[in-house]
Amino acid sequence: MPKKIRELKQILQKAGFTLLPKRGKGSHSYWVHPLIINPVVLSGKDSKDAQPYQEKDVLAAVKELEQLEQGDES
């Protein structure tokens, strides 16, 4: 069962990403983190099911962040 857009936003927020306000057209939202170069862009209303590529993008960004943070600790 696919996650909802709101769930993906919660995952990003818990990982330390911040929402850029007034950025994007319509239902697009841009999420940035100081350690990640490219923003994560989510489209769709909070109650809609996320597309597989959106889940994949969010999980990849969180995984990349975890790897960068582990590299800083070493």
PDB file of N, CA and C in Angstrom:
ATOM      1  N   MET A   1       0.843  -1.175   0.000  1.00  0.00           N
ATOM      2  CA  MET A   1       0.000   0.000   0.000  1.00  0.00           C
ATOM      3  C   MET A   1       0.896   1.248   0.000  1.00  0.00           C
ATOM      4  N   PRO A   2       0.680   2.151  -0.935  1.00  0.00           N
ATOM      5  CA  PRO A   2       1.546   3.338  -1.011  1.00  0.00           C
ATOM      6  C   PRO A   2       1.321   4.281   0.167  1.00  0.00           C
ATOM      7  N   LYS A   3       2.377   4.998   0.492  1.00  0.00           N
ATOM      8  CA  LYS A   3       2.289   5.994   1.548  1.00  0.00           C
ATOM      9  C   LYS A   3       1.533   7.213   1.025  1.00  0.00           C
ATOM     10  N   LYS A   4       1.033   8.005   1.946  1.00  0.00           N
ATOM     11  CA  LYS A   4       0.395   9.273   1.593  1.00  0.00           C
ATOM     12  C   LYS A   4       1.469  10.351   1.500  1.00  0.00           C
ATOM     13  N   ILE A   5       1.185  11.400   0.757  1.00  0.00           N
ATOM     14  CA  ILE A   5       2.119  12.515   0.613  1.00  0.00           C
ATOM     15  C   ILE A   5       2.468  13.080   1.991  1.00  0.00           C
ATOM     16  N   ARG A   6       1.478  13.176   2.874  1.00  0.00           N
ATOM     17  CA  ARG A   6       1.734  13.728   4.218  1.00  0.00           C
ATOM     18  C   ARG A   6       2.736  12.876   4.981  1.00  0.00           C
ATOM     19  N   GLU A   7       2.727  11.551   4.761  1.00  0.00           N
ATOM     20  CA  GLU A   7       3.678  10.669   5.427  1.00  0.00           C
ATOM     21  C   GLU A   7       5.102  10.923   4.928  1.00  0.00           C
ATOM     22  N   LEU A   8       5.237  11.163   3.624  1.00  0.00           N
ATOM     23  CA  LEU A   8       6.559  11.460   3.071  1.00  0.00           C
ATOM     24  C   LEU A   8       7.082  12.774   3.634  1.00  0.00           C
ATOM     25  N   LYS A   9       6.196  13.751   3.779  1.00  0.00           N
ATOM     26  CA  LYS A   9       6.599  15.041   4.353  1.00  0.00           C
ATOM     27  C   LYS A   9       7.048  14.871   5.796  1.00  0.00           C
ATOM     28  N   GLN A  10       6.384  14.002   6.544  1.00  0.00           N
ATOM     29  CA  GLN A  10       6.764  13.742   7.929  1.00  0.00           C
ATOM     30  C   GLN A  10       8.139  13.074   7.998  1.00  0.00           C
ATOM     31  N   ILE A  11       8.402  12.162   7.089  1.00  0.00           N
ATOM     32  CA  ILE A  11       9.703  11.489   7.040  1.00  0.00           C
ATOM     33  C   ILE A  11      10.807  12.518   6.808  1.00  0.00           C
ATOM     34  N   LEU A  12      10.579  13.416   5.850  1.00  0.00           N
ATOM     35  CA  LEU A  12      11.576  14.447   5.552  1.00  0.00           C
ATOM     36  C   LEU A  12      11.783  15.370   6.740  1.00  0.00           C
ATOM     37  N   GLN A  13      10.699  15.755   7.371  1.00  0.00           N
ATOM     38  CA  GLN A  13      10.785  16.664   8.506  1.00  0.00           C
ATOM     39  C   GLN A  13      11.554  16.025   9.667  1.00  0.00           C
ATOM     40  N   LYS A  14      11.284  14.760   9.947  1.00  0.00           N
ATOM     41  CA  LYS A  14      11.983  14.055  11.024  1.00  0.00           C
ATOM     42  C   LYS A  14      13.469  13.907  10.723  1.00  0.00           C
ATOM     43  N   ALA A  15      13.819  13.822   9.434  1.00  0.00           N
ATOM     44  CA  ALA A  15      15.223  13.680   9.041  1.00  0.00           C
ATOM     45  C   ALA A  15      15.970  15.012   9.081  1.00  0.00           C
ATOM     46  N   GLY A  16      15.245  16.106   9.285  1.00  0.00           N
ATOM     47  CA  GLY A  16      15.895  17.405   9.394  1.00  0.00           C
ATOM     48  C   GLY A  16      15.761  18.288   8.170  1.00  0.00           C
ATOM     49  N   PHE A  17      14.959  17.881   7.214  1.00  0.00           N
ATOM     50  CA  PHE A  17      14.717  18.712   6.036  1.00  0.00           C
ATOM     51  C   PHE A  17      13.760  19.842   6.412  1.00  0.00           C
ATOM     52  N   THR A  18      13.878  20.964   5.714  1.00  0.00           N
ATOM     53  CA  THR A  18      12.962  22.081   5.949  1.00  0.00           C
ATOM     54  C   THR A  18      12.232  22.420   4.659  1.00  0.00           C
ATOM     55  N   LEU A  19      11.026  22.874   4.812  1.00  0.00           N
ATOM     56  CA  LEU A  19      10.190  23.243   3.677  1.00  0.00           C
ATOM     57  C   LEU A  19      10.512  24.664   3.261  1.00  0.00           C
ATOM     58  N   LEU A  20      10.747  24.859   1.966  1.00  0.00           N
ATOM     59  CA  LEU A  20      10.934  26.214   1.463  1.00  0.00           C
ATOM     60  C   LEU A  20       9.555  26.812   1.205  1.00  0.00           C
ATOM     61  N   PRO A  21       9.192  27.866   1.915  1.00  0.00           N
ATOM     62  CA  PRO A  21       7.860  28.447   1.739  1.00  0.00           C
ATOM     63  C   PRO A  21       7.735  29.206   0.418  1.00  0.00           C
ATOM     64  N   LYS A  22       6.527  29.228  -0.094  1.00  0.00           N
ATOM     65  CA  LYS A  22       6.208  29.968  -1.320  1.00  0.00           C
ATOM     66  C   LYS A  22       7.117  29.571  -2.472  1.00  0.00           C
ATOM     67  N   ARG A  23       7.449  28.297  -2.531  1.00  0.00           N
ATOM     68  CA  ARG A  23       8.316  27.806  -3.584  1.00  0.00           C
ATOM     69  C   ARG A  23       7.578  26.708  -4.308  1.00  0.00           C
ATOM     70  N   GLY A  24       7.489  26.802  -5.584  1.00  0.00           N
ATOM     71  CA  GLY A  24       6.809  25.774  -6.354  1.00  0.00           C
ATOM     72  C   GLY A  24       5.419  26.219  -6.751  1.00  0.00           C
ATOM     73  N   LYS A  25       4.930  25.587  -7.754  1.00  0.00           N
ATOM     74  CA  LYS A  25       3.640  25.958  -8.310  1.00  0.00           C
ATOM     75  C   LYS A  25       2.594  24.930  -7.891  1.00  0.00           C
ATOM     76  N   GLY A  26       1.445  25.408  -7.502  1.00  0.00           N
ATOM     77  CA  GLY A  26       0.361  24.512  -7.152  1.00  0.00           C
ATOM     78  C   GLY A  26       0.678  23.707  -5.914  1.00  0.00           C
ATOM     79  N   SER A  27       0.591  22.395  -6.046  1.00  0.00           N
ATOM     80  CA  SER A  27       0.771  21.527  -4.883  1.00  0.00           C
ATOM     81  C   SER A  27       2.218  21.057  -4.713  1.00  0.00           C
ATOM     82  N   HIS A  28       3.162  21.626  -5.451  1.00  0.00           N
ATOM     83  CA  HIS A  28       4.561  21.228  -5.315  1.00  0.00           C
ATOM     84  C   HIS A  28       5.170  21.841  -4.065  1.00  0.00           C
ATOM     85  N   SER A  29       5.969  21.044  -3.359  1.00  0.00           N
ATOM     86  CA  SER A  29       6.680  21.561  -2.193  1.00  0.00           C
ATOM     87  C   SER A  29       8.147  21.160  -2.312  1.00  0.00           C
ATOM     88  N   TYR A  30       9.022  22.093  -1.948  1.00  0.00           N
ATOM     89  CA  TYR A  30      10.459  21.891  -2.028  1.00  0.00           C
ATOM     90  C   TYR A  30      11.021  21.717  -0.621  1.00  0.00           C
ATOM     91  N   TRP A  31      11.757  20.630  -0.412  1.00  0.00           N
ATOM     92  CA  TRP A  31      12.355  20.317   0.880  1.00  0.00           C
ATOM     93  C   TRP A  31      13.867  20.332   0.727  1.00  0.00           C
ATOM     94  N   VAL A  32      14.548  21.068   1.600  1.00  0.00           N
ATOM     95  CA  VAL A  32      16.001  21.206   1.503  1.00  0.00           C
ATOM     96  C   VAL A  32      16.663  20.808   2.816  1.00  0.00           C
ATOM     97  N   HIS A  33      17.936  20.432   2.699  1.00  0.00           N
ATOM     98  CA  HIS A  33      18.764  20.133   3.864  1.00  0.00           C
ATOM     99  C   HIS A  33      20.150  20.691   3.558  1.00  0.00           C
ATOM    100  N   PRO A  34      20.818  21.274   4.554  1.00  0.00           N
ATOM    101  CA  PRO A  34      22.130  21.891   4.301  1.00  0.00           C
ATOM    102  C   PRO A  34      23.186  20.927   3.747  1.00  0.00           C
ATOM    103  N   LEU A  35      23.086  19.650   4.053  1.00  0.00           N
ATOM    104  CA  LEU A  35      24.085  18.691   3.588  1.00  0.00           C
ATOM    105  C   LEU A  35      23.772  18.100   2.213  1.00  0.00           C
ATOM    106  N   ILE A  36      22.549  18.237   1.760  1.00  0.00           N
ATOM    107  CA  ILE A  36      22.119  17.668   0.473  1.00  0.00           C
ATOM    108  C   ILE A  36      22.053  18.795  -0.567  1.00  0.00           C
ATOM    109  N   ILE A  37      22.656  18.557  -1.725  1.00  0.00           N
ATOM    110  CA  ILE A  37      22.724  19.601  -2.751  1.00  0.00           C
ATOM    111  C   ILE A  37      21.362  19.841  -3.413  1.00  0.00           C
ATOM    112  N   ASN A  38      20.736  18.784  -3.874  1.00  0.00           N
ATOM    113  CA  ASN A  38      19.474  18.920  -4.605  1.00  0.00           C
ATOM    114  C   ASN A  38      18.277  18.866  -3.668  1.00  0.00           C
ATOM    115  N   PRO A  39      17.291  19.736  -3.886  1.00  0.00           N
ATOM    116  CA  PRO A  39      16.084  19.661  -3.047  1.00  0.00           C
ATOM    117  C   PRO A  39      15.231  18.452  -3.417  1.00  0.00           C
ATOM    118  N   VAL A  40      14.415  18.023  -2.482  1.00  0.00           N
ATOM    119  CA  VAL A  40      13.442  16.956  -2.739  1.00  0.00           C
ATOM    120  C   VAL A  40      12.128  17.667  -3.054  1.00  0.00           C
ATOM    121  N   VAL A  41      11.563  17.367  -4.208  1.00  0.00           N
ATOM    122  CA  VAL A  41      10.326  18.015  -4.638  1.00  0.00           C
ATOM    123  C   VAL A  41       9.189  17.006  -4.563  1.00  0.00           C
ATOM    124  N   LEU A  42       8.152  17.366  -3.829  1.00  0.00           N
ATOM    125  CA  LEU A  42       6.966  16.517  -3.736  1.00  0.00           C
ATOM    126  C   LEU A  42       5.801  17.244  -4.369  1.00  0.00           C
ATOM    127  N   SER A  43       5.017  16.528  -5.129  1.00  0.00           N
ATOM    128  CA  SER A  43       3.824  17.120  -5.719  1.00  0.00           C
ATOM    129  C   SER A  43       2.614  16.315  -5.277  1.00  0.00           C
ATOM    130  N   GLY A  44       1.522  16.998  -5.119  1.00  0.00           N
ATOM    131  CA  GLY A  44       0.295  16.335  -4.714  1.00  0.00           C
ATOM    132  C   GLY A  44      -0.184  16.831  -3.371  1.00  0.00           C
ATOM    133  N   LYS A  45      -1.467  16.675  -3.156  1.00  0.00           N
ATOM    134  CA  LYS A  45      -2.056  17.090  -1.881  1.00  0.00           C
ATOM    135  C   LYS A  45      -1.732  16.049  -0.821  1.00  0.00           C
ATOM    136  N   ASP A  46      -1.751  16.486   0.432  1.00  0.00           N
ATOM    137  CA  ASP A  46      -1.360  15.619   1.547  1.00  0.00           C
ATOM    138  C   ASP A  46      -2.135  14.310   1.604  1.00  0.00           C
ATOM    139  N   SER A  47      -3.392  14.331   1.226  1.00  0.00           N
ATOM    140  CA  SER A  47      -4.232  13.140   1.358  1.00  0.00           C
ATOM    141  C   SER A  47      -4.097  12.161   0.185  1.00  0.00           C
ATOM    142  N   LYS A  48      -3.376  12.519  -0.855  1.00  0.00           N
ATOM    143  CA  LYS A  48      -3.217  11.653  -2.027  1.00  0.00           C
ATOM    144  C   LYS A  48      -2.152  10.590  -1.787  1.00  0.00           C
ATOM    145  N   ASP A  49      -2.298   9.464  -2.472  1.00  0.00           N
ATOM    146  CA  ASP A  49      -1.280   8.424  -2.429  1.00  0.00           C
ATOM    147  C   ASP A  49      -0.037   8.917  -3.165  1.00  0.00           C
ATOM    148  N   ALA A  50       1.115   8.615  -2.595  1.00  0.00           N
ATOM    149  CA  ALA A  50       2.371   8.992  -3.236  1.00  0.00           C
ATOM    150  C   ALA A  50       2.670   8.032  -4.385  1.00  0.00           C
ATOM    151  N   GLN A  51       3.302   8.564  -5.402  1.00  0.00           N
ATOM    152  CA  GLN A  51       3.737   7.738  -6.524  1.00  0.00           C
ATOM    153  C   GLN A  51       4.988   6.971  -6.092  1.00  0.00           C
ATOM    154  N   PRO A  52       5.248   5.822  -6.698  1.00  0.00           N
ATOM    155  CA  PRO A  52       6.435   5.048  -6.316  1.00  0.00           C
ATOM    156  C   PRO A  52       7.736   5.842  -6.442  1.00  0.00           C
ATOM    157  N   TYR A  53       7.866   6.670  -7.470  1.00  0.00           N
ATOM    158  CA  TYR A  53       9.092   7.445  -7.638  1.00  0.00           C
ATOM    159  C   TYR A  53       9.255   8.475  -6.518  1.00  0.00           C
ATOM    160  N   GLN A  54       8.146   8.976  -5.966  1.00  0.00           N
ATOM    161  CA  GLN A  54       8.236   9.943  -4.870  1.00  0.00           C
ATOM    162  C   GLN A  54       8.760   9.266  -3.599  1.00  0.00           C
ATOM    163  N   GLU A  55       8.241   8.087  -3.309  1.00  0.00           N
ATOM    164  CA  GLU A  55       8.737   7.342  -2.148  1.00  0.00           C
ATOM    165  C   GLU A  55      10.219   7.032  -2.317  1.00  0.00           C
ATOM    166  N   LYS A  56      10.591   6.629  -3.519  1.00  0.00           N
ATOM    167  CA  LYS A  56      11.974   6.286  -3.818  1.00  0.00           C
ATOM    168  C   LYS A  56      12.881   7.506  -3.634  1.00  0.00           C
ATOM    169  N   ASP A  57      12.456   8.672  -4.103  1.00  0.00           N
ATOM    170  CA  ASP A  57      13.238   9.903  -3.971  1.00  0.00           C
ATOM    171  C   ASP A  57      13.436  10.280  -2.508  1.00  0.00           C
ATOM    172  N   VAL A  58      12.366  10.195  -1.721  1.00  0.00           N
ATOM    173  CA  VAL A  58      12.443  10.553  -0.304  1.00  0.00           C
ATOM    174  C   VAL A  58      13.374   9.595   0.437  1.00  0.00           C
ATOM    175  N   LEU A  59      13.208   8.304   0.219  1.00  0.00           N
ATOM    176  CA  LEU A  59      14.046   7.326   0.906  1.00  0.00           C
ATOM    177  C   LEU A  59      15.508   7.455   0.487  1.00  0.00           C
ATOM    178  N   ALA A  60      15.755   7.767  -0.782  1.00  0.00           N
ATOM    179  CA  ALA A  60      17.128   7.950  -1.256  1.00  0.00           C
ATOM    180  C   ALA A  60      17.764   9.182  -0.608  1.00  0.00           C
ATOM    181  N   ALA A  61      17.007  10.255  -0.461  1.00  0.00           N
ATOM    182  CA  ALA A  61      17.531  11.471   0.160  1.00  0.00           C
ATOM    183  C   ALA A  61      17.850  11.236   1.632  1.00  0.00           C
ATOM    184  N   VAL A  62      16.976  10.528   2.330  1.00  0.00           N
ATOM    185  CA  VAL A  62      17.206  10.235   3.748  1.00  0.00           C
ATOM    186  C   VAL A  62      18.421   9.316   3.900  1.00  0.00           C
ATOM    187  N   LYS A  63      18.544   8.340   3.019  1.00  0.00           N
ATOM    188  CA  LYS A  63      19.683   7.420   3.071  1.00  0.00           C
ATOM    189  C   LYS A  63      20.990   8.170   2.791  1.00  0.00           C
ATOM    190  N   GLU A  64      20.969   9.066   1.810  1.00  0.00           N
ATOM    191  CA  GLU A  64      22.155   9.864   1.489  1.00  0.00           C
ATOM    192  C   GLU A  64      22.557  10.723   2.690  1.00  0.00           C
ATOM    193  N   LEU A  65      21.584  11.297   3.353  1.00  0.00           N
ATOM    194  CA  LEU A  65      21.838  12.115   4.534  1.00  0.00           C
ATOM    195  C   LEU A  65      22.460  11.283   5.651  1.00  0.00           C
ATOM    196  N   GLU A  66      21.934  10.090   5.877  1.00  0.00           N
ATOM    197  CA  GLU A  66      22.486   9.213   6.908  1.00  0.00           C
ATOM    198  C   GLU A  66      23.939   8.851   6.604  1.00  0.00           C
ATOM    199  N   GLN A  67      24.248   8.594   5.333  1.00  0.00           N
ATOM    200  CA  GLN A  67      25.607   8.254   4.951  1.00  0.00           C
ATOM    201  C   GLN A  67      26.544   9.448   5.163  1.00  0.00           C
ATOM    202  N   LEU A  68      26.072  10.651   4.821  1.00  0.00           N
ATOM    203  CA  LEU A  68      26.895  11.843   5.015  1.00  0.00           C
ATOM    204  C   LEU A  68      27.146  12.094   6.498  1.00  0.00           C
ATOM    205  N   GLU A  69      26.129  11.898   7.311  1.00  0.00           N
ATOM    206  CA  GLU A  69      26.284  12.116   8.746  1.00  0.00           C
ATOM    207  C   GLU A  69      27.224  11.080   9.368  1.00  0.00           C
ATOM    208  N   GLN A  70      27.175   9.841   8.895  1.00  0.00           N
ATOM    209  CA  GLN A  70      28.085   8.805   9.396  1.00  0.00           C
ATOM    210  C   GLN A  70      29.517   9.115   8.985  1.00  0.00           C
ATOM    211  N   GLY A  71      29.688   9.679   7.801  1.00  0.00           N
ATOM    212  CA  GLY A  71      31.016  10.059   7.318  1.00  0.00           C
ATOM    213  C   GLY A  71      31.608  11.180   8.160  1.00  0.00           C
ATOM    214  N   ASP A  72      30.776  12.091   8.653  1.00  0.00           N
ATOM    215  CA  ASP A  72      31.246  13.200   9.491  1.00  0.00           C
ATOM    216  C   ASP A  72      31.716  12.711  10.852  1.00  0.00           C
ATOM    217  N   GLU A  73      31.109  11.646  11.350  1.00  0.00           N
ATOM    218  CA  GLU A  73      31.438  11.124  12.676  1.00  0.00           C
ATOM    219  C   GLU A  73      32.791  10.406  12.674  1.00  0.00           C
ATOM    220  N   SER A  74      33.169   9.851  11.522  1.00  0.00           N
ATOM    221  CA  SER A  74      34.418   9.070  11.454  1.00  0.00           C
ATOM    222  C   SER A  74      35.629   9.949  11.467  1.00  0.00           C
TER     223      SER A  74
END
